[in-house]
Protein backbone atom coordinates (compact mmCIF):
# COMPACT_ATOMS: atom_id res chain seq x y z
CA UNK A 1 -56.96 15.47 -34.50
CA UNK A 2 -53.87 16.22 -32.41
CA UNK A 3 -53.50 20.03 -31.54
CA UNK A 4 -56.95 20.84 -32.35
CA UNK A 5 -58.93 23.36 -30.29
CA UNK A 6 -62.62 24.11 -30.03
CA UNK A 7 -63.96 27.13 -31.57
CA UNK A 8 -66.01 28.97 -29.35
CA UNK A 9 -68.52 30.02 -31.91
CA UNK A 10 -69.92 27.00 -33.48
CA UNK A 11 -68.74 24.01 -31.26
CA UNK A 12 -66.53 22.41 -33.92
CA UNK A 13 -62.94 21.51 -33.67
CA UNK A 14 -60.50 24.02 -35.61
CA UNK A 15 -57.03 22.89 -36.46
CA UNK A 16 -54.28 25.34 -36.13
CA UNK A 17 -53.23 27.20 -39.17
CA UNK A 18 -49.52 27.82 -40.15
CA UNK A 19 -48.00 29.71 -43.04
CA UNK A 20 -45.81 27.80 -45.53
CA UNK A 21 -42.43 29.59 -46.04
CA UNK A 22 -42.33 28.36 -49.67
CA UNK A 23 -45.56 29.40 -51.17
CA UNK A 24 -46.73 31.64 -48.33
CA UNK A 25 -50.27 29.89 -48.26
CA UNK A 26 -51.89 29.20 -44.89
CA UNK A 27 -52.62 25.36 -44.14
CA UNK A 28 -53.52 23.02 -41.55
CA UNK A 29 -50.43 22.59 -39.09
CA UNK A 30 -50.79 18.66 -39.67
CA UNK A 31 -50.15 19.05 -43.46
CA UNK A 32 -46.82 20.96 -43.03
CA UNK A 33 -43.33 19.96 -42.06
CA UNK A 34 -41.66 21.85 -39.27
CA UNK A 35 -38.09 22.77 -39.55
CA UNK A 36 -36.10 23.74 -36.43
CA UNK A 37 -32.78 25.39 -35.94
CA UNK A 38 -30.74 23.32 -33.52
CA UNK A 39 -27.88 25.35 -31.93
CA UNK A 40 -26.40 22.20 -30.34
CA UNK A 41 -25.90 20.53 -33.71
CA UNK A 42 -25.62 23.80 -35.61
CA UNK A 43 -28.07 22.69 -38.35
CA UNK A 44 -31.60 22.69 -39.39
CA UNK A 45 -33.42 19.60 -38.35
CA UNK A 46 -36.85 18.17 -39.67
CA UNK A 47 -39.15 18.08 -36.55
CA UNK A 48 -41.58 15.40 -37.51
CA UNK A 49 -43.10 15.20 -34.08
CA UNK A 50 -43.37 18.96 -33.71
CA UNK A 51 -41.84 18.82 -30.26
CA UNK A 52 -38.23 20.08 -30.72
CA UNK A 53 -37.41 23.31 -28.80
CA UNK A 54 -36.30 26.47 -30.62
CA UNK A 55 -37.55 28.60 -33.33
CA UNK A 56 -39.29 26.70 -36.19
CA UNK A 57 -40.93 27.32 -39.55
CA UNK A 58 -43.40 25.30 -41.53
CA UNK A 59 -43.30 24.12 -45.12
CA UNK A 60 -45.45 22.02 -47.43
CA UNK A 61 -43.38 19.03 -48.53
CA UNK A 62 -43.89 20.14 -52.21
CA UNK A 63 -42.60 23.56 -51.56
CA UNK A 64 -39.11 22.69 -50.48
CA UNK A 65 -37.51 23.67 -53.78
CA UNK A 66 -39.14 27.15 -53.59
CA UNK A 67 -38.20 27.72 -50.10
CA UNK A 68 -34.59 26.91 -50.87
CA UNK A 69 -34.64 29.16 -53.93
CA UNK A 70 -36.05 32.06 -51.87
CA UNK A 71 -33.69 31.39 -49.08
CA UNK A 72 -36.70 31.51 -46.90
CA UNK A 73 -35.46 28.91 -44.25
CA UNK A 74 -32.75 31.14 -42.81
CA UNK A 75 -35.09 34.14 -42.77
CA UNK A 76 -37.80 32.32 -41.07
CA UNK A 77 -35.53 30.94 -38.39
CA UNK A 78 -33.50 34.25 -38.05
CA UNK A 79 -30.26 32.44 -38.52
CA UNK A 80 -27.62 32.24 -41.30
CA UNK A 81 -28.12 28.62 -42.54
CA UNK A 82 -26.25 26.56 -45.19
CA UNK A 83 -28.63 25.99 -48.10
CA UNK A 84 -26.82 22.83 -48.98
CA UNK A 85 -27.45 21.42 -45.43
CA UNK A 86 -31.07 22.36 -45.60
CA UNK A 87 -31.42 20.56 -49.01
CA UNK A 88 -29.93 17.50 -47.35
CA UNK A 89 -32.34 17.64 -44.49
CA UNK A 90 -35.18 17.98 -46.80
CA UNK A 91 -33.94 15.30 -49.27
CA UNK A 92 -34.04 12.76 -46.49
CA UNK A 93 -37.72 13.11 -46.58
CA UNK A 94 -38.15 12.14 -50.17
CA UNK A 95 -36.07 8.93 -50.02
């Protein structure tokens, strides 16, 4: 498990938790997609490796439509984003 940490209480590995911007449920970081605003490209990128710099947000792959409908991506990234561009970035994952 990459990114896991030892819990001090019971000596077991605990994976970091993140909140999905679509359904607002918490889940393991490894089960969520990370979206990042790239100022250089002026676009939202899917950060599969979780290493890109900048503000990011997390999303279950199945919650993409809900996040787009709620306009949650722009709010989470604190940037005005084009919903069509975000939809294209997320559509690349399903192809």
